């Protein structure tokens, strides 16, 4: 594969040119998303048709004109791809070539895809497309683009229609990922180095992953990269994001990467209100927690209730598993069983007595990080959670009770890693690793914030990436080795007992436990002695100066 000779790369550069030229309205992001999905469905339908018709020696137009033949093929392709375009004139290139220079092209373009595309009812992807089509329908009827913005958008749509969906050098889904991670699209994207560290931790521990959940998924990169690196991929994927654009762009990434949408569960919701998603539990939770947690008091009532409901649902599942010989996967695969359990739990009356926080931990009901406890509780018994979070979490006085609960009471925290900080003015972040089945009585602390090397991003587009720090393989390999083998290494890592952490009032600051000071240590006694010598020499010098001034009869 030759990335630099890729035709898709050249087309992407042209798209970037039009995105840079003028400030385009926010609705542009949804139109670009729509165009990529339209192109993907259109070309996959056409490619599948050509393959099906190759042995029959008839053209696509002839197949569409034959009603019986079209019906047979549409059923086959609906089963194969999950979608089918109902007439050849509705393929994206035909629509663009026939209309893109005409007045009203944008409105016509946004109308054709939903009108002439059918989706397999057995797949769950239709609900996500309906969400997008509702937005584009509002754009058609309510928004008026000025002439220059309209012209630029038409050029961008034309270029997207010319991308090669089947190219290997720079794949169509990679073009979409690059564009969605750029500063020209208003999606939120996690910095590459944070995604690297989070993924590496999971891959160090898990060779196979049945289910993964990202409660703050942004553009979905944490899940898609983890899937790409696992030999057998991911079976079940769950995600939430309160930002509508993030939610839809994530959906598009999963769709274009070939995820089975019967096993993908995404919700346009705020995980701070509710971390629950279909009552599921997970092998892996991976996420970057928002730096600022706002309006959490109103969310905590729901979060407290979820803790009680999750505990009750877990009891019900254990009864079914132990007494009826059911398989744990049944709760994910059998929608009717899952819904029946949810309905049963909903009918239980939960009151304050059902909450688990008692005594010294009662104040946790009002903690801004209550959702973290809920997330750990959502793990399977052998599950692992890796999150990045503001470094303030480790030492903020108001969170001491929470840190005590997560360490001494539950023994959930397995490792804390201080990671590099890409921008000097941004708030430092750390990665915290949680487990439910921990038996160890210590926590591994790693400080890789100053000892790291970087490499160039795989795709170099000037001004394209908002976050460009990429850690090199040696840096990642060192962290992986220390984490896997729990190695205490001078100036890099340390294993700290729970007793020592308790002695330090549950302050979990990495710098407290990993000494990275490079200078020479000087004791207080030596400093005091040096000060005395300096003071003595200063007094002698003052006396000498005074004597000389007296001899010269100089007065001030």
Protein backbone atom coordinates (compact mmCIF):
# COMPACT_ATOMS: atom_id res chain seq x y z
CA UNK A 1 0.00 0.00 0.00
CA UNK A 2 1.32 3.43 -0.94
CA UNK A 3 -0.38 6.07 1.18
CA UNK A 4 1.20 9.04 -0.59
CA UNK A 5 0.00 7.89 -4.03
CA UNK A 6 -3.53 7.35 -2.76
CA UNK A 7 -6.27 8.98 -4.85
CA UNK A 8 -8.35 9.27 -1.69
CA UNK A 9 -5.55 11.27 -0.08
CA UNK A 10 -5.55 13.77 -2.94
CA UNK A 11 -9.34 14.05 -2.78
CA UNK A 12 -9.18 14.58 0.99
CA UNK A 13 -6.69 17.43 0.48
CA UNK A 14 -9.15 19.09 -1.89
CA UNK A 15 -11.96 18.69 0.64
CA UNK A 16 -9.74 20.32 3.26
CA UNK A 17 -9.11 23.20 0.87
CA UNK A 18 -12.82 24.02 0.66
CA UNK A 19 -13.29 23.61 4.42
CA UNK A 20 -10.48 26.13 5.00
CA UNK A 21 -11.64 28.70 2.47
CA UNK A 22 -14.63 30.17 4.29
CA UNK A 23 -16.33 29.80 7.62
CA UNK A 24 -19.13 27.34 6.99
CA UNK A 25 -22.23 27.08 9.23
CA UNK A 26 -22.42 24.32 11.91
CA UNK A 27 -24.97 22.41 9.81
CA UNK A 28 -22.09 21.61 7.43
CA UNK A 29 -20.85 18.92 9.83
CA UNK A 30 -24.13 16.99 9.55
CA UNK A 31 -24.20 17.34 5.75
CA UNK A 32 -20.65 15.96 5.48
CA UNK A 33 -21.62 13.04 7.73
CA UNK A 34 -24.72 12.41 5.59
CA UNK A 35 -22.60 12.52 2.40
CA UNK A 36 -20.09 9.94 3.68
CA UNK A 37 -22.84 7.55 4.74
CA UNK A 38 -24.66 8.05 1.45
CA UNK A 39 -21.46 7.34 -0.50
CA UNK A 40 -20.73 4.25 1.58
CA UNK A 41 -24.23 2.75 1.14
CA UNK A 42 -24.39 3.70 -2.53
CA UNK A 43 -21.06 2.18 -3.54
CA UNK A 44 -21.50 -0.97 -1.44
CA UNK A 45 -24.90 -1.54 -3.01
CA UNK A 46 -23.45 -1.01 -6.49
CA UNK A 47 -20.42 -3.24 -5.81
CA UNK A 48 -22.60 -6.04 -4.41
CA UNK A 49 -24.93 -5.76 -7.40
CA UNK A 50 -22.05 -6.04 -9.87
CA UNK A 51 -20.79 -9.14 -8.07
CA UNK A 52 -24.26 -10.74 -8.05
CA UNK A 53 -24.89 -9.93 -11.73
CA UNK A 54 -21.46 -10.95 -13.03
CA UNK A 55 -22.50 -14.53 -13.79
CA UNK A 56 -25.92 -13.51 -15.12
CA UNK A 57 -24.48 -11.21 -17.80
CA UNK A 58 -27.00 -8.39 -17.36
CA UNK A 59 -26.43 -4.75 -16.43
CA UNK A 60 -27.50 -3.00 -13.23
CA UNK A 61 -30.13 -1.00 -15.15
CA UNK A 62 -31.61 -4.18 -16.62
CA UNK A 63 -31.71 -5.82 -13.20
CA UNK A 64 -33.59 -2.86 -11.76
CA UNK A 65 -36.07 -2.86 -14.65
CA UNK A 66 -36.90 -6.51 -13.98
CA UNK A 67 -39.25 -6.35 -11.00
CA UNK A 68 -38.90 -10.00 -9.98
CA UNK A 69 -35.14 -9.95 -10.38
CA UNK A 70 -34.82 -6.70 -8.41
CA UNK A 71 -36.94 -8.14 -5.61
CA UNK A 72 -34.72 -11.22 -5.33
CA UNK A 73 -31.51 -9.21 -5.36
CA UNK A 74 -32.78 -6.61 -2.91
CA UNK A 75 -33.59 -9.35 -0.39
CA UNK A 76 -30.13 -10.87 -0.83
CA UNK A 77 -28.37 -7.52 -0.41
CA UNK A 78 -30.52 -6.50 2.55
CA UNK A 79 -29.40 -9.69 4.25
CA UNK A 80 -25.78 -9.19 3.20
CA UNK A 81 -25.30 -5.44 3.80
CA UNK A 82 -28.34 -4.46 5.84
CA UNK A 83 -29.39 -1.80 3.29
CA UNK A 84 -30.39 -1.44 -0.36
CA UNK A 85 -30.88 1.52 -2.74
CA UNK A 86 -34.16 1.14 -4.60
CA UNK A 87 -33.30 2.61 -8.01
CA UNK A 88 -30.07 3.20 -10.00
CA UNK A 89 -30.81 6.94 -10.41
CA UNK A 90 -30.48 7.26 -6.61
CA UNK A 91 -26.81 6.19 -6.50
CA UNK A 92 -24.81 9.13 -5.18
CA UNK A 93 -22.65 9.70 -8.25
CA UNK A 94 -25.70 9.71 -10.52
CA UNK A 95 -27.48 12.24 -8.28
CA UNK A 96 -24.40 14.48 -8.00
CA UNK A 97 -23.42 14.35 -11.67
CA UNK A 98 -26.97 15.15 -12.78
CA UNK A 99 -27.73 17.95 -10.33
CA UNK A 100 -24.79 19.51 -8.53
CA UNK A 101 -24.54 22.59 -10.77
CA UNK A 102 -28.30 23.20 -10.70
CA UNK A 103 -30.21 25.47 -8.29
CA UNK A 104 -31.72 23.52 -5.40
CA UNK A 105 -29.10 20.76 -5.62
CA UNK A 106 -28.48 20.69 -1.86
CA UNK A 107 -32.14 20.20 -1.02
CA UNK A 108 -32.48 17.45 -3.67
CA UNK A 109 -29.31 15.73 -2.47
CA UNK A 110 -30.53 15.66 1.16
CA UNK A 111 -33.90 14.23 0.04
CA UNK A 112 -32.80 11.28 -2.13
CA UNK A 113 -30.84 9.09 0.31
CA UNK A 114 -33.62 8.62 2.93
CA UNK A 115 -36.34 8.40 0.29
CA UNK A 116 -34.75 5.65 -1.84
CA UNK A 117 -32.84 3.58 0.73
CA UNK A 118 -34.36 0.68 2.63
CA UNK A 119 -32.82 -0.95 5.70
CA UNK A 120 -33.10 -4.48 7.00
CA UNK A 121 -35.55 -4.43 9.91
CA UNK A 122 -33.53 -7.17 11.63
CA UNK A 123 -30.61 -4.74 11.99
CA UNK A 124 -30.60 -1.95 14.57
CA UNK A 125 -28.93 0.64 12.34
CA UNK A 126 -32.19 2.18 11.10
CA UNK A 127 -32.77 4.03 14.38
CA UNK A 128 -29.45 5.86 13.97
CA UNK A 129 -30.12 6.75 10.34
CA UNK A 130 -33.60 8.01 11.29
CA UNK A 131 -31.94 10.29 13.83
CA UNK A 132 -29.65 11.74 11.14
CA UNK A 133 -32.41 12.00 8.52
CA UNK A 134 -34.55 13.98 10.94
CA UNK A 135 -31.72 16.52 11.27
CA UNK A 136 -31.11 16.79 7.52
CA UNK A 137 -34.85 17.19 6.94
CA UNK A 138 -34.83 20.16 9.33
CA UNK A 139 -31.86 21.60 7.42
CA UNK A 140 -33.82 21.37 4.17
CA UNK A 141 -36.88 23.16 5.54
CA UNK A 142 -35.47 25.63 8.06
CA UNK A 143 -31.97 26.68 7.09
CA UNK A 144 -30.96 28.94 4.23
CA UNK A 145 -27.31 28.86 3.20
CA UNK A 146 -25.82 31.97 1.63
CA UNK A 147 -24.64 31.64 -1.95
CA UNK A 148 -20.90 31.23 -1.17
CA UNK A 149 -21.48 28.64 1.58
CA UNK A 150 -23.85 26.79 -0.75
CA UNK A 151 -21.23 26.76 -3.51
CA UNK A 152 -18.50 25.45 -1.20
CA UNK A 153 -20.79 22.76 0.19
CA UNK A 154 -21.69 21.59 -3.32
CA UNK A 155 -17.97 21.27 -4.13
CA UNK A 156 -17.36 19.28 -0.93
CA UNK A 157 -20.28 16.93 -1.70
CA UNK A 158 -18.98 16.48 -5.25
CA UNK A 159 -15.53 15.52 -3.93
CA UNK A 160 -16.95 13.07 -1.37
CA UNK A 161 -18.90 11.41 -4.18
CA UNK A 162 -15.59 10.84 -6.01
CA UNK A 163 -13.86 9.07 -3.11
CA UNK A 164 -13.03 5.41 -3.66
CA UNK A 165 -14.87 3.33 -1.04
CA UNK A 166 -12.87 0.22 -1.99
CA UNK A 167 -9.35 1.75 -1.93
CA UNK A 168 -6.71 0.03 0.21
CA UNK A 169 -3.96 2.69 0.26
CA UNK A 170 -6.06 5.12 2.32
CA UNK A 171 -9.36 3.45 3.14
CA UNK A 172 -12.66 5.27 2.94
CA UNK A 173 -13.25 4.80 6.68
CA UNK A 174 -9.76 6.18 7.36
CA UNK A 175 -10.54 9.28 5.30
CA UNK A 176 -13.67 9.77 7.39
CA UNK A 177 -11.74 9.25 10.65
CA UNK A 178 -9.04 11.73 9.64
CA UNK A 179 -11.60 14.34 8.67
CA UNK A 180 -13.71 13.85 11.81
CA UNK A 181 -10.58 14.26 13.98
CA UNK A 182 -9.62 17.51 12.27
CA UNK A 183 -10.18 21.02 13.55
CA UNK A 184 -12.59 21.66 10.67
CA UNK A 185 -15.28 19.35 12.08
CA UNK A 186 -16.81 20.23 15.44
CA UNK A 187 -16.67 16.72 16.92
CA UNK A 188 -14.66 16.16 20.09
CA UNK A 189 -11.72 13.81 19.77
CA UNK A 190 -9.48 12.40 22.48
CA UNK A 191 -5.74 13.17 22.12
CA UNK A 192 -3.93 10.31 20.43
CA UNK A 193 -1.46 9.75 23.29
CA UNK A 194 -4.30 9.27 25.81
CA UNK A 195 -6.01 6.75 23.53
CA UNK A 196 -2.65 4.97 23.12
CA UNK A 197 -2.12 4.56 26.86
CA UNK A 198 -5.70 3.48 27.57
CA UNK A 199 -5.71 0.92 24.74
CA UNK A 200 -2.31 -0.48 25.72
CA UNK A 201 -3.42 -1.08 29.29
CA UNK A 202 -6.46 -3.03 28.12
CA UNK A 203 -4.49 -5.02 25.54
CA UNK A 204 -1.83 -5.87 28.13
CA UNK A 205 -4.49 -7.52 30.27
CA UNK A 206 -7.04 -8.81 27.74
CA UNK A 207 -6.37 -10.84 24.60
CA UNK A 208 -10.08 -11.28 23.95
CA UNK A 209 -12.81 -8.81 24.86
CA UNK A 210 -16.47 -9.74 24.74
CA UNK A 211 -17.98 -6.36 25.65
CA UNK A 212 -16.61 -2.82 25.89
CA UNK A 213 -18.24 0.43 27.03
CA UNK A 214 -17.18 4.06 26.61
CA UNK A 215 -19.55 6.30 28.60
CA UNK A 216 -18.01 9.50 27.15
CA UNK A 217 -17.18 8.20 23.68
CA UNK A 218 -16.74 11.51 21.78
CA UNK A 219 -15.87 10.41 18.19
CA UNK A 220 -15.69 6.71 19.14
CA UNK A 221 -11.94 6.40 18.56
CA UNK A 222 -11.19 4.56 21.82
CA UNK A 223 -13.49 1.67 20.84
CA UNK A 224 -12.59 1.48 17.14
CA UNK A 225 -8.83 1.48 17.83
CA UNK A 226 -9.24 -1.22 20.47
CA UNK A 227 -11.26 -3.28 17.99
CA UNK A 228 -8.61 -2.87 15.28
CA UNK A 229 -5.87 -4.20 17.56
CA UNK A 230 -7.73 -7.21 18.96
CA UNK A 231 -7.18 -10.37 16.93
CA UNK A 232 -10.87 -11.33 16.94
CA UNK A 233 -12.26 -7.83 17.34
CA UNK A 234 -15.00 -6.82 19.77
CA UNK A 235 -18.28 -8.69 20.11
CA UNK A 236 -20.46 -6.12 21.88
CA UNK A 237 -19.89 -2.36 21.84
CA UNK A 238 -21.64 0.19 24.05
CA UNK A 239 -21.28 3.95 24.13
CA UNK A 240 -22.89 7.20 25.22
CA UNK A 241 -22.38 10.84 24.39
CA UNK A 242 -24.48 13.86 25.23
CA UNK A 243 -23.20 15.73 22.16
CA UNK A 244 -25.41 14.91 19.16
CA UNK A 245 -22.64 15.37 16.59
CA UNK A 246 -20.27 13.10 18.53
CA UNK A 247 -23.01 10.50 18.84
CA UNK A 248 -23.76 10.41 15.09
CA UNK A 249 -20.13 10.54 13.95
CA UNK A 250 -19.34 7.60 16.28
CA UNK A 251 -22.25 5.68 14.80
CA UNK A 252 -20.91 6.35 11.29
CA UNK A 253 -17.43 5.11 12.26
CA UNK A 254 -18.82 1.84 13.59
CA UNK A 255 -21.05 1.46 10.53
CA UNK A 256 -18.26 2.04 7.99
CA UNK A 257 -15.87 -0.26 9.85
CA UNK A 258 -18.36 -3.11 9.44
CA UNK A 259 -19.54 -3.51 13.04
CA UNK A 260 -22.67 -5.62 13.38
CA UNK A 261 -25.30 -3.19 14.62
CA UNK A 262 -27.14 -6.00 16.34
CA UNK A 263 -24.19 -5.93 18.75
CA UNK A 264 -23.70 -2.14 18.91
CA UNK A 265 -25.66 -0.10 21.46
CA UNK A 266 -25.17 3.66 21.35
CA UNK A 267 -27.19 6.27 23.19
CA UNK A 268 -27.44 10.04 22.83
CA UNK A 269 -27.39 10.54 26.61
CA UNK A 270 -25.24 12.00 29.37
CA UNK A 271 -23.46 9.30 31.38
CA UNK A 272 -23.28 11.74 34.29
CA UNK A 273 -27.06 11.33 34.55
CA UNK A 274 -27.04 7.58 34.04
CA UNK A 275 -24.20 5.18 33.25
CA UNK A 276 -26.61 2.29 32.68
CA UNK A 277 -27.11 1.06 29.13
CA UNK A 278 -29.59 -1.80 28.66
CA UNK A 279 -28.72 -3.17 32.12
CA UNK A 280 -25.48 -4.56 30.66
CA UNK A 281 -22.23 -5.38 32.43
CA UNK A 282 -18.86 -5.18 30.69
CA UNK A 283 -15.47 -6.84 30.32
CA UNK A 284 -13.86 -3.47 29.64
CA UNK A 285 -14.70 0.18 30.28
CA UNK A 286 -12.42 2.67 28.57
CA UNK A 287 -12.95 6.43 28.54
CA UNK A 288 -11.66 9.95 29.02
CA UNK A 289 -13.70 11.54 31.80
CA UNK A 290 -14.70 15.20 31.23
CA UNK A 291 -12.38 17.64 32.97
CA UNK A 292 -15.25 19.67 34.42
CA UNK A 293 -18.16 17.89 36.11
CA UNK A 294 -21.16 20.23 36.17
CA UNK A 295 -24.70 20.06 37.58
CA UNK A 296 -23.96 16.76 39.28
CA UNK A 297 -26.34 17.30 42.21
CA UNK A 298 -29.39 16.79 40.00
CA UNK A 299 -27.79 13.68 38.44
CA UNK A 300 -26.85 11.99 41.71
CA UNK A 301 -30.43 11.00 42.55
CA UNK A 302 -30.44 8.85 39.39
CA UNK A 303 -26.92 7.57 40.01
CA UNK A 304 -27.80 6.49 43.58
CA UNK A 305 -30.89 4.71 42.30
CA UNK A 306 -28.83 2.96 39.63
CA UNK A 307 -26.47 1.54 42.24
CA UNK A 308 -29.41 -0.04 44.06
CA UNK A 309 -31.02 -1.28 40.83
CA UNK A 310 -27.77 -2.74 39.52
CA UNK A 311 -27.25 -4.68 42.74
CA UNK A 312 -30.79 -6.06 42.55
CA UNK A 313 -30.44 -6.98 38.86
CA UNK A 314 -27.16 -8.76 39.64
CA UNK A 315 -28.97 -10.83 42.27
CA UNK A 316 -31.67 -11.80 39.74
CA UNK A 317 -29.08 -12.74 37.09
CA UNK A 318 -27.21 -14.92 39.58
CA UNK A 319 -30.44 -16.77 40.42
CA UNK A 320 -31.04 -17.47 36.71
CA UNK A 321 -27.43 -18.52 36.14
CA UNK A 322 -27.17 -20.78 39.18
CA UNK A 323 -30.64 -22.30 39.29
CA UNK A 324 -31.57 -22.52 35.62
CA UNK A 325 -28.18 -23.15 33.99
CA UNK A 326 -28.38 -20.07 31.76
CA UNK A 327 -25.40 -18.67 29.85
CA UNK A 328 -24.20 -15.16 30.78
CA UNK A 329 -24.39 -14.11 27.11
CA UNK A 330 -28.14 -14.70 27.17
CA UNK A 331 -28.68 -11.36 28.87
CA UNK A 332 -27.07 -9.59 25.89
CA UNK A 333 -28.35 -11.75 23.05
CA UNK A 334 -31.96 -12.28 24.19
CA UNK A 335 -33.67 -8.88 23.98
CA UNK A 336 -36.93 -10.22 25.41
CA UNK A 337 -35.18 -11.73 28.45
CA UNK A 338 -33.16 -8.55 28.96
CA UNK A 339 -36.29 -6.39 28.75
CA UNK A 340 -38.17 -8.68 31.14
CA UNK A 341 -35.38 -8.30 33.73
CA UNK A 342 -35.38 -4.52 33.27
CA UNK A 343 -39.16 -4.38 33.73
CA UNK A 344 -38.93 -6.52 36.88
CA UNK A 345 -36.24 -4.29 38.39
CA UNK A 346 -38.24 -1.16 37.53
CA UNK A 347 -41.20 -2.47 39.55
CA UNK A 348 -39.11 -2.85 42.72
CA UNK A 349 -39.57 0.03 45.17
CA UNK A 350 -36.17 1.44 46.00
CA UNK A 351 -35.86 3.81 48.94
CA UNK A 352 -33.03 5.23 51.00
CA UNK A 353 -32.59 1.94 52.82
CA UNK A 354 -31.59 0.33 49.52
CA UNK A 355 -28.61 2.64 49.09
CA UNK A 356 -25.26 1.14 50.00
CA UNK A 357 -23.53 4.22 51.45
CA UNK A 358 -23.60 4.14 55.24
CA UNK A 359 -21.69 5.73 58.11
CA UNK A 360 -18.55 7.61 57.04
CA UNK A 361 -19.39 7.01 53.37
CA UNK A 362 -22.88 8.53 53.49
CA UNK A 363 -21.58 11.78 51.94
CA UNK A 364 -20.70 9.89 48.73
CA UNK A 365 -24.33 10.19 47.68
CA UNK A 366 -23.56 13.83 46.85
CA UNK A 367 -20.10 13.34 45.29
CA UNK A 368 -19.51 14.76 41.80
CA UNK A 369 -17.72 11.49 40.95
CA UNK A 370 -20.48 9.15 42.12
CA UNK A 371 -20.79 7.92 38.53
CA UNK A 372 -17.27 6.40 38.85
CA UNK A 373 -18.51 3.98 41.51
CA UNK A 374 -21.42 3.09 39.23
CA UNK A 375 -19.03 2.42 36.35
CA UNK A 376 -16.83 0.08 38.39
CA UNK A 377 -19.94 -1.74 39.61
CA UNK A 378 -20.96 -2.18 35.94
CA UNK A 379 -17.84 -4.29 35.27
CA UNK A 380 -18.00 -8.06 35.09
CA UNK A 381 -16.26 -9.74 38.00
CA UNK A 382 -12.99 -10.10 36.06
CA UNK A 383 -13.48 -6.79 34.23
CA UNK A 384 -11.05 -3.88 33.96
CA UNK A 385 -11.66 -0.13 33.63
CA UNK A 386 -9.05 2.33 32.34
CA UNK A 387 -9.96 6.01 32.39
CA UNK A 388 -8.11 9.30 32.08
CA UNK A 389 -9.20 11.95 34.56
CA UNK A 390 -8.03 15.31 35.90
CA UNK A 391 -5.02 14.98 38.21
CA UNK A 392 -6.94 16.97 40.85
CA UNK A 393 -8.92 13.82 41.56
CA UNK A 394 -5.84 12.35 43.27
CA UNK A 395 -5.39 14.98 45.96
CA UNK A 396 -8.47 17.23 46.17
CA UNK A 397 -9.44 17.40 49.87
CA UNK A 398 -13.18 17.12 49.22
CA UNK A 399 -12.63 13.74 47.49
CA UNK A 400 -10.72 12.08 50.35
CA UNK A 401 -13.75 9.98 51.43
CA UNK A 402 -14.28 8.81 47.83
CA UNK A 403 -10.60 7.82 47.50
CA UNK A 404 -10.82 5.97 50.83
CA UNK A 405 -13.90 4.11 49.57
CA UNK A 406 -12.27 3.14 46.25
CA UNK A 407 -9.02 1.98 47.93
CA UNK A 408 -9.40 0.83 51.53
CA UNK A 409 -13.09 -0.12 51.44
CA UNK A 410 -13.42 -1.69 47.95
CA UNK A 411 -9.79 -2.17 46.84
CA UNK A 412 -10.77 -1.19 43.28
CA UNK A 413 -7.77 0.95 42.23
CA UNK A 414 -5.00 -1.14 40.70
CA UNK A 415 -2.67 1.42 39.10
CA UNK A 416 -2.28 5.18 38.58
CA UNK A 417 -0.24 6.52 35.67
CA UNK A 418 0.82 10.13 35.26
CA UNK A 419 0.84 10.80 31.53
CA UNK A 420 2.50 13.49 29.40
CA UNK A 421 0.75 16.83 29.06
CA UNK A 422 0.48 17.95 25.44
CA UNK A 423 -0.19 21.62 26.12
CA UNK A 424 1.45 23.53 28.97
CA UNK A 425 -1.72 25.46 29.77
CA UNK A 426 -4.05 22.46 29.82
CA UNK A 427 -4.89 20.65 33.04
CA UNK A 428 -2.69 17.60 33.72
CA UNK A 429 -4.42 14.22 33.49
CA UNK A 430 -3.72 10.78 34.90
CA UNK A 431 -4.84 7.30 33.91
CA UNK A 432 -6.44 5.22 36.66
CA UNK A 433 -6.93 1.46 36.30
CA UNK A 434 -9.78 -0.17 38.25
CA UNK A 435 -10.55 -3.87 38.85
CA UNK A 436 -13.35 -5.60 40.73
CA UNK A 437 -11.51 -8.85 41.53
CA UNK A 438 -8.37 -7.39 43.14
CA UNK A 439 -6.71 -9.32 45.95
CA UNK A 440 -3.51 -7.24 46.08
CA UNK A 441 -2.95 -4.81 48.95
CA UNK A 442 -0.88 -2.31 46.98
CA UNK A 443 -1.21 0.19 44.11
CA UNK A 444 1.23 0.62 41.24
CA UNK A 445 2.23 4.24 40.53
CA UNK A 446 3.91 5.13 37.21
CA UNK A 447 5.20 8.57 36.16
CA UNK A 448 5.75 8.76 32.41
CA UNK A 449 5.04 12.51 32.25
CA UNK A 450 8.66 13.55 31.66
CA UNK A 451 10.37 10.42 30.34
CA UNK A 452 8.86 9.84 26.90
CA UNK A 453 9.60 10.11 23.19
CA UNK A 454 7.24 10.87 20.34
CA UNK A 455 6.79 9.89 16.72
CA UNK A 456 5.12 11.46 13.71
CA UNK A 457 1.47 10.88 13.09
CA UNK A 458 0.79 8.27 10.42
CA UNK A 459 -1.17 10.77 8.33
CA UNK A 460 0.47 14.14 7.76
CA UNK A 461 -1.91 16.89 6.73
CA UNK A 462 -0.68 20.41 7.66
CA UNK A 463 -2.97 21.97 10.23
CA UNK A 464 -5.29 18.98 10.19
CA UNK A 465 -4.94 17.44 13.64
CA UNK A 466 -6.01 19.24 16.78
CA UNK A 467 -4.02 16.83 19.00
CA UNK A 468 -0.78 15.64 17.46
CA UNK A 469 1.29 14.14 20.29
CA UNK A 470 1.91 10.46 19.49
CA UNK A 471 4.07 8.34 21.82
CA UNK A 472 6.69 6.13 20.21
CA UNK A 473 6.86 2.34 20.62
CA UNK A 474 9.75 2.41 23.15
CA UNK A 475 7.78 4.69 25.48
CA UNK A 476 4.68 2.50 25.22
CA UNK A 477 6.71 -0.70 25.58
CA UNK A 478 8.36 0.51 28.79
CA UNK A 479 5.02 1.46 30.32
CA UNK A 480 3.52 -1.87 29.22
CA UNK A 481 6.34 -3.90 30.80
CA UNK A 482 6.24 -2.02 34.11
CA UNK A 483 2.44 -2.23 34.28
CA UNK A 484 2.25 -5.94 33.39
CA UNK A 485 5.01 -7.06 35.77
CA UNK A 486 4.34 -4.42 38.46
CA UNK A 487 7.96 -3.31 38.55
CA UNK A 488 9.27 -0.65 40.96
CA UNK A 489 11.78 1.35 38.92
CA UNK A 490 13.76 4.35 40.28
CA UNK A 491 12.35 7.69 39.08
CA UNK A 492 9.65 5.93 37.05
CA UNK A 493 7.41 3.64 39.13
CA UNK A 494 6.71 2.40 42.63
CA UNK A 495 4.51 -0.11 44.46
CA UNK A 496 2.83 1.44 47.49
CA UNK A 497 1.07 -0.51 50.24
CA UNK A 498 -2.45 0.36 51.33
CA UNK A 499 -1.10 1.11 54.83
CA UNK A 500 1.19 3.82 53.45
CA UNK A 501 -1.64 5.30 51.41
CA UNK A 502 -3.81 5.39 54.54
CA UNK A 503 -0.97 7.09 56.46
CA UNK A 504 -0.96 9.77 53.74
CA UNK A 505 -4.71 10.42 54.22
CA UNK A 506 -5.48 8.73 50.87
CA UNK A 507 -3.58 11.29 48.88
CA UNK A 508 -2.91 9.45 45.58
CA UNK A 509 -0.70 12.03 43.89
CA UNK A 510 1.89 10.21 41.77
CA UNK A 511 4.63 12.70 42.66
CA UNK A 512 4.22 11.78 46.34
CA UNK A 513 5.18 8.15 45.66
CA UNK A 514 7.45 8.33 42.58
CA UNK A 515 10.47 10.57 43.08
CA UNK A 516 11.59 11.99 39.72
CA UNK A 517 13.93 14.67 41.12
CA UNK A 518 17.15 14.79 39.04
CA UNK A 519 19.29 17.14 41.17
CA UNK A 520 21.50 16.46 44.20
CA UNK A 521 19.71 16.23 47.53
CA UNK A 522 20.95 18.50 50.32
CA UNK A 523 19.97 17.88 53.94
CA UNK A 524 18.49 20.62 56.14
CA UNK A 525 21.52 20.35 58.48
CA UNK A 526 23.87 21.02 55.56
CA UNK A 527 21.78 23.99 54.44
CA UNK A 528 21.82 25.46 57.98
CA UNK A 529 25.61 25.02 58.20
CA UNK A 530 26.11 26.68 54.78
CA UNK A 531 23.92 29.62 55.86
CA UNK A 532 26.00 30.10 59.02
CA UNK A 533 29.21 30.19 56.96
CA UNK A 534 27.70 32.72 54.58
CA UNK A 535 26.50 34.93 57.45
CA UNK A 536 29.95 34.81 59.12
CA UNK A 537 31.73 35.74 55.86
CA UNK A 538 29.25 38.56 55.31
CA UNK A 539 29.93 40.02 58.79
CA UNK A 540 33.70 39.84 58.18
CA UNK A 541 33.29 41.59 54.83
CA UNK A 542 31.16 44.36 56.38
CA UNK A 543 33.77 44.96 59.09
CA UNK A 544 36.55 45.15 56.49
CA UNK A 545 34.59 47.67 54.40
CA UNK A 546 33.86 49.79 57.51
CA UNK A 547 37.55 49.84 58.48
CA UNK A 548 38.59 50.99 54.98
CA UNK A 549 35.95 53.75 54.97
CA UNK A 550 37.17 54.98 58.41
CA UNK A 551 40.77 55.14 57.18
CA UNK A 552 39.66 57.18 54.15
CA UNK A 553 37.41 59.36 56.34
CA UNK A 554 34.37 58.56 54.21
CA UNK A 555 31.04 59.24 55.86
CA UNK A 556 27.45 58.48 54.70
